Amino acid sequence: NHAAVVRFAARGTGAPGRKRFQAPLADPYATPNEQAVAAVDVCLRHVAAALISGAEETAAAAEADLAAVKGADGGRALSACLIYLRDRIGVPRDMSQPAAMNLRAHLNALIALC
């Protein structure tokens, strides 16, 4: 599932789908930005590590890796990808409400570092 979630998040800076839907966050035909996939992968691995080990344990490594993958735009594109994912976590479709809140909190922490 990791690769699919990474590509899904990379839609944040990808091309929107041709077909539009009434729901503002629905865009099943969007395409991911392939250039963002590697950086998004790094970020989501840090989110997973923070969920398992705690944010304090993983903060230094996350900051160092983010500095390396932010890109020429200073992290705006990476931030857009993480926001895209955060805003589309479905409850109860994807996970329980407490799990979604925890995941969104860790995504927000990484977004703040971008």
N, C-alpha and C. Protein backbone atom coordinates (compact mmCIF):
# COMPACT_ATOMS: atom_id res chain seq x y z
N ASN A 1 0.81 -1.20 0.00
CA ASN A 1 0.00 0.00 0.00
C ASN A 1 0.85 1.26 0.00
N HIS A 2 2.08 1.17 0.49
CA HIS A 2 2.93 2.35 0.62
C HIS A 2 3.12 3.06 -0.72
N ALA A 3 3.46 2.33 -1.76
CA ALA A 3 3.70 2.95 -3.06
C ALA A 3 2.45 3.64 -3.59
N ALA A 4 1.30 3.03 -3.38
CA ALA A 4 0.05 3.63 -3.85
C ALA A 4 -0.27 4.90 -3.08
N VAL A 5 -0.02 4.91 -1.78
CA VAL A 5 -0.29 6.10 -0.98
C VAL A 5 0.68 7.23 -1.35
N VAL A 6 1.93 6.89 -1.60
CA VAL A 6 2.91 7.89 -2.01
C VAL A 6 2.48 8.54 -3.32
N ARG A 7 2.09 7.73 -4.30
CA ARG A 7 1.65 8.28 -5.59
C ARG A 7 0.36 9.09 -5.43
N PHE A 8 -0.52 8.64 -4.55
CA PHE A 8 -1.75 9.39 -4.29
C PHE A 8 -1.41 10.78 -3.74
N ALA A 9 -0.52 10.83 -2.77
CA ALA A 9 -0.13 12.12 -2.17
C ALA A 9 0.55 13.02 -3.20
N ALA A 10 1.31 12.42 -4.12
CA ALA A 10 2.01 13.21 -5.14
C ALA A 10 1.05 13.88 -6.12
N ARG A 11 -0.22 13.53 -6.05
CA ARG A 11 -1.22 14.24 -6.85
C ARG A 11 -1.36 15.70 -6.41
N GLY A 12 -0.89 16.01 -5.22
CA GLY A 12 -0.99 17.37 -4.70
C GLY A 12 -0.35 18.40 -5.60
N THR A 13 0.65 18.00 -6.37
CA THR A 13 1.30 18.90 -7.33
C THR A 13 1.23 18.34 -8.74
N GLY A 14 0.39 17.34 -8.92
CA GLY A 14 0.23 16.74 -10.24
C GLY A 14 -0.84 17.46 -11.05
N ALA A 15 -1.24 16.83 -12.13
CA ALA A 15 -2.26 17.42 -13.01
C ALA A 15 -3.65 16.99 -12.55
N PRO A 16 -4.59 17.94 -12.49
CA PRO A 16 -5.96 17.57 -12.11
C PRO A 16 -6.61 16.72 -13.20
N GLY A 17 -7.58 15.95 -12.80
CA GLY A 17 -8.30 15.12 -13.77
C GLY A 17 -9.16 15.96 -14.69
N ARG A 18 -9.45 15.39 -15.86
CA ARG A 18 -10.27 16.12 -16.83
C ARG A 18 -11.72 16.19 -16.37
N LYS A 19 -12.19 15.13 -15.78
CA LYS A 19 -13.57 15.08 -15.34
C LYS A 19 -13.67 15.70 -13.95
N ARG A 20 -14.60 16.61 -13.75
CA ARG A 20 -14.77 17.28 -12.47
C ARG A 20 -15.99 16.71 -11.74
N PHE A 21 -15.93 16.75 -10.41
CA PHE A 21 -17.00 16.24 -9.58
C PHE A 21 -17.50 17.35 -8.66
N GLN A 22 -18.69 17.18 -8.16
CA GLN A 22 -19.28 18.20 -7.30
C GLN A 22 -18.55 18.30 -5.96
N ALA A 23 -18.10 17.19 -5.43
CA ALA A 23 -17.35 17.20 -4.16
C ALA A 23 -15.98 17.86 -4.40
N PRO A 24 -15.65 18.89 -3.65
CA PRO A 24 -14.43 19.65 -3.93
C PRO A 24 -13.12 18.87 -3.80
N LEU A 25 -13.08 17.85 -2.97
CA LEU A 25 -11.84 17.09 -2.78
C LEU A 25 -11.77 15.84 -3.65
N ALA A 26 -12.84 15.55 -4.39
CA ALA A 26 -12.87 14.36 -5.24
C ALA A 26 -12.17 14.65 -6.56
N ASP A 27 -11.14 13.88 -6.87
CA ASP A 27 -10.44 14.01 -8.13
C ASP A 27 -9.80 12.66 -8.48
N PRO A 28 -10.63 11.65 -8.76
CA PRO A 28 -10.09 10.32 -8.99
C PRO A 28 -9.26 10.18 -10.27
N TYR A 29 -9.33 11.15 -11.15
CA TYR A 29 -8.57 11.08 -12.40
C TYR A 29 -7.31 11.94 -12.37
N ALA A 30 -6.98 12.50 -11.23
CA ALA A 30 -5.76 13.30 -11.11
C ALA A 30 -4.55 12.40 -11.31
N THR A 31 -3.48 12.99 -11.81
CA THR A 31 -2.25 12.23 -12.01
C THR A 31 -1.17 12.77 -11.08
N PRO A 32 -0.34 11.89 -10.54
CA PRO A 32 0.70 12.35 -9.61
C PRO A 32 1.83 13.06 -10.32
N ASN A 33 2.51 13.91 -9.59
CA ASN A 33 3.73 14.55 -10.07
C ASN A 33 4.87 13.56 -9.80
N GLU A 34 5.37 12.96 -10.85
CA GLU A 34 6.40 11.92 -10.70
C GLU A 34 7.67 12.46 -10.05
N GLN A 35 7.96 13.74 -10.23
CA GLN A 35 9.15 14.33 -9.63
C GLN A 35 9.03 14.46 -8.12
N ALA A 36 7.82 14.46 -7.61
CA ALA A 36 7.60 14.60 -6.17
C ALA A 36 7.56 13.27 -5.44
N VAL A 37 7.47 12.17 -6.16
CA VAL A 37 7.26 10.86 -5.54
C VAL A 37 8.38 10.51 -4.55
N ALA A 38 9.62 10.71 -4.91
CA ALA A 38 10.73 10.33 -4.02
C ALA A 38 10.71 11.14 -2.72
N ALA A 39 10.46 12.45 -2.82
CA ALA A 39 10.42 13.29 -1.63
C ALA A 39 9.22 12.94 -0.75
N VAL A 40 8.08 12.68 -1.36
CA VAL A 40 6.89 12.29 -0.59
C VAL A 40 7.15 10.95 0.11
N ASP A 41 7.83 10.05 -0.57
CA ASP A 41 8.17 8.75 0.03
C ASP A 41 9.00 8.96 1.30
N VAL A 42 9.99 9.83 1.24
CA VAL A 42 10.82 10.11 2.41
C VAL A 42 9.95 10.65 3.55
N CYS A 43 9.08 11.59 3.23
CA CYS A 43 8.23 12.19 4.26
C CYS A 43 7.30 11.16 4.91
N LEU A 44 6.68 10.33 4.11
CA LEU A 44 5.75 9.35 4.67
C LEU A 44 6.47 8.29 5.49
N ARG A 45 7.71 7.99 5.15
CA ARG A 45 8.49 7.08 5.98
C ARG A 45 8.77 7.71 7.35
N HIS A 46 9.01 9.01 7.36
CA HIS A 46 9.22 9.70 8.64
C HIS A 46 7.93 9.77 9.44
N VAL A 47 6.80 9.95 8.78
CA VAL A 47 5.52 9.93 9.49
C VAL A 47 5.32 8.57 10.14
N ALA A 48 5.58 7.50 9.39
CA ALA A 48 5.43 6.15 9.94
C ALA A 48 6.37 5.94 11.12
N ALA A 49 7.61 6.39 10.99
CA ALA A 49 8.57 6.25 12.10
C ALA A 49 8.11 7.02 13.32
N ALA A 50 7.57 8.22 13.13
CA ALA A 50 7.08 9.02 14.26
C ALA A 50 5.88 8.36 14.92
N LEU A 51 5.02 7.74 14.12
CA LEU A 51 3.86 7.05 14.68
C LEU A 51 4.28 5.85 15.52
N ILE A 52 5.35 5.20 15.11
CA ILE A 52 5.82 4.00 15.82
C ILE A 52 6.70 4.36 17.01
N SER A 53 7.65 5.26 16.79
CA SER A 53 8.66 5.54 17.82
C SER A 53 8.44 6.82 18.60
N GLY A 54 7.58 7.68 18.10
CA GLY A 54 7.35 8.97 18.74
C GLY A 54 8.02 10.09 17.97
N ALA A 55 7.39 11.23 17.94
CA ALA A 55 7.89 12.36 17.17
C ALA A 55 9.24 12.86 17.70
N GLU A 56 9.41 12.84 19.02
CA GLU A 56 10.66 13.32 19.60
C GLU A 56 11.85 12.46 19.16
N GLU A 57 11.62 11.18 19.06
CA GLU A 57 12.69 10.24 18.69
C GLU A 57 13.14 10.44 17.25
N THR A 58 12.24 10.88 16.39
CA THR A 58 12.52 10.91 14.95
C THR A 58 12.67 12.32 14.39
N ALA A 59 12.52 13.35 15.21
CA ALA A 59 12.50 14.73 14.72
C ALA A 59 13.80 15.14 14.04
N ALA A 60 14.92 14.83 14.61
CA ALA A 60 16.21 15.26 14.04
C ALA A 60 16.43 14.64 12.67
N ALA A 61 16.15 13.36 12.54
CA ALA A 61 16.32 12.69 11.25
C ALA A 61 15.35 13.25 10.22
N ALA A 62 14.13 13.52 10.63
CA ALA A 62 13.14 14.08 9.71
C ALA A 62 13.59 15.45 9.21
N GLU A 63 14.07 16.30 10.10
CA GLU A 63 14.53 17.63 9.69
C GLU A 63 15.70 17.54 8.72
N ALA A 64 16.64 16.65 8.99
CA ALA A 64 17.80 16.50 8.12
C ALA A 64 17.38 16.00 6.73
N ASP A 65 16.51 15.00 6.69
CA ASP A 65 16.07 14.46 5.40
C ASP A 65 15.21 15.46 4.64
N LEU A 66 14.36 16.21 5.35
CA LEU A 66 13.54 17.22 4.68
C LEU A 66 14.40 18.30 4.05
N ALA A 67 15.47 18.69 4.72
CA ALA A 67 16.37 19.69 4.16
C ALA A 67 16.97 19.20 2.84
N ALA A 68 17.18 17.89 2.74
CA ALA A 68 17.77 17.33 1.53
C ALA A 68 16.77 17.16 0.38
N VAL A 69 15.48 17.03 0.68
CA VAL A 69 14.51 16.73 -0.38
C VAL A 69 13.53 17.86 -0.67
N LYS A 70 13.65 18.99 0.00
CA LYS A 70 12.68 20.08 -0.18
C LYS A 70 12.58 20.58 -1.61
N GLY A 71 13.67 20.64 -2.31
CA GLY A 71 13.63 21.12 -3.68
C GLY A 71 13.86 22.61 -3.79
N ALA A 72 13.88 23.09 -5.03
CA ALA A 72 14.19 24.49 -5.31
C ALA A 72 13.12 25.45 -4.80
N ASP A 73 11.91 24.97 -4.62
CA ASP A 73 10.81 25.84 -4.19
C ASP A 73 10.74 25.99 -2.67
N GLY A 74 11.71 25.46 -1.98
CA GLY A 74 11.75 25.60 -0.52
C GLY A 74 10.76 24.72 0.22
N GLY A 75 10.22 23.72 -0.44
CA GLY A 75 9.31 22.78 0.21
C GLY A 75 7.84 23.03 -0.06
N ARG A 76 7.51 24.04 -0.87
CA ARG A 76 6.09 24.33 -1.14
C ARG A 76 5.39 23.17 -1.84
N ALA A 77 6.05 22.57 -2.82
CA ALA A 77 5.45 21.45 -3.55
C ALA A 77 5.28 20.25 -2.63
N LEU A 78 6.27 19.98 -1.81
CA LEU A 78 6.20 18.87 -0.88
C LEU A 78 5.09 19.10 0.13
N SER A 79 4.98 20.30 0.62
CA SER A 79 3.92 20.66 1.55
C SER A 79 2.54 20.47 0.90
N ALA A 80 2.41 20.86 -0.36
CA ALA A 80 1.13 20.70 -1.08
C ALA A 80 0.75 19.22 -1.18
N CYS A 81 1.73 18.35 -1.38
CA CYS A 81 1.45 16.91 -1.47
C CYS A 81 0.97 16.36 -0.12
N LEU A 82 1.63 16.78 0.96
CA LEU A 82 1.24 16.30 2.28
C LEU A 82 -0.14 16.84 2.68
N ILE A 83 -0.42 18.06 2.31
CA ILE A 83 -1.75 18.64 2.58
C ILE A 83 -2.81 17.91 1.78
N TYR A 84 -2.50 17.58 0.54
CA TYR A 84 -3.43 16.82 -0.32
C TYR A 84 -3.82 15.51 0.36
N LEU A 85 -2.82 14.79 0.86
CA LEU A 85 -3.08 13.53 1.55
C LEU A 85 -3.86 13.76 2.84
N ARG A 86 -3.41 14.70 3.66
CA ARG A 86 -4.06 14.99 4.94
C ARG A 86 -5.54 15.29 4.77
N ASP A 87 -5.85 16.08 3.77
CA ASP A 87 -7.24 16.51 3.57
C ASP A 87 -8.14 15.43 2.99
N ARG A 88 -7.56 14.34 2.54
CA ARG A 88 -8.35 13.29 1.91
C ARG A 88 -8.37 11.98 2.69
N ILE A 89 -7.91 12.00 3.92
CA ILE A 89 -8.00 10.81 4.77
C ILE A 89 -9.46 10.63 5.15
N GLY A 90 -10.02 9.50 4.78
CA GLY A 90 -11.43 9.26 5.02
C GLY A 90 -11.70 8.45 6.27
N VAL A 91 -12.65 8.94 7.05
CA VAL A 91 -13.10 8.23 8.25
C VAL A 91 -14.57 7.91 8.05
N PRO A 92 -15.01 6.71 8.16
CA PRO A 92 -14.33 5.48 8.57
C PRO A 92 -13.78 4.67 7.40
N ARG A 93 -13.84 5.19 6.17
CA ARG A 93 -13.41 4.42 5.01
C ARG A 93 -11.96 3.96 5.12
N ASP A 94 -11.05 4.87 5.47
CA ASP A 94 -9.62 4.55 5.50
C ASP A 94 -9.14 4.05 6.85
N MET A 95 -9.67 4.63 7.92
CA MET A 95 -9.22 4.27 9.26
C MET A 95 -10.19 4.84 10.28
N SER A 96 -9.96 4.49 11.52
CA SER A 96 -10.83 5.00 12.59
C SER A 96 -10.55 6.49 12.82
N GLN A 97 -11.45 7.14 13.51
CA GLN A 97 -11.31 8.56 13.78
C GLN A 97 -10.07 8.87 14.63
N PRO A 98 -9.79 8.13 15.71
CA PRO A 98 -8.58 8.41 16.48
C PRO A 98 -7.30 8.19 15.67
N ALA A 99 -7.27 7.15 14.84
CA ALA A 99 -6.09 6.89 14.01
C ALA A 99 -5.90 8.02 12.99
N ALA A 100 -6.99 8.48 12.40
CA ALA A 100 -6.92 9.57 11.43
C ALA A 100 -6.42 10.86 12.08
N MET A 101 -6.90 11.13 13.29
CA MET A 101 -6.44 12.34 14.00
C MET A 101 -4.94 12.27 14.27
N ASN A 102 -4.47 11.10 14.66
CA ASN A 102 -3.05 10.92 14.95
C ASN A 102 -2.21 11.07 13.67
N LEU A 103 -2.66 10.45 12.58
CA LEU A 103 -1.95 10.56 11.31
C LEU A 103 -1.94 12.01 10.83
N ARG A 104 -3.07 12.68 10.91
CA ARG A 104 -3.13 14.09 10.48
C ARG A 104 -2.21 14.96 11.33
N ALA A 105 -2.12 14.69 12.62
CA ALA A 105 -1.23 15.47 13.49
C ALA A 105 0.22 15.31 13.07
N HIS A 106 0.62 14.08 12.76
CA HIS A 106 2.00 13.85 12.33
C HIS A 106 2.26 14.44 10.94
N LEU A 107 1.28 14.38 10.06
CA LEU A 107 1.43 15.04 8.76
C LEU A 107 1.56 16.55 8.95
N ASN A 108 0.75 17.13 9.84
CA ASN A 108 0.85 18.56 10.11
C ASN A 108 2.23 18.95 10.64
N ALA A 109 2.80 18.10 11.46
CA ALA A 109 4.14 18.38 11.99
C ALA A 109 5.16 18.43 10.87
N LEU A 110 5.06 17.52 9.91
CA LEU A 110 5.98 17.53 8.77
C LEU A 110 5.70 18.71 7.85
N ILE A 111 4.43 19.03 7.66
CA ILE A 111 4.08 20.19 6.83
C ILE A 111 4.71 21.45 7.41
N ALA A 112 4.70 21.57 8.72
CA ALA A 112 5.28 22.74 9.38
C ALA A 112 6.79 22.84 9.13
N LEU A 113 7.44 21.71 8.92
CA LEU A 113 8.89 21.71 8.66
C LEU A 113 9.23 22.06 7.22
N CYS A 114 8.25 21.94 6.34
CA CYS A 114 8.51 22.20 4.90
C CYS A 114 8.73 23.66 4.60
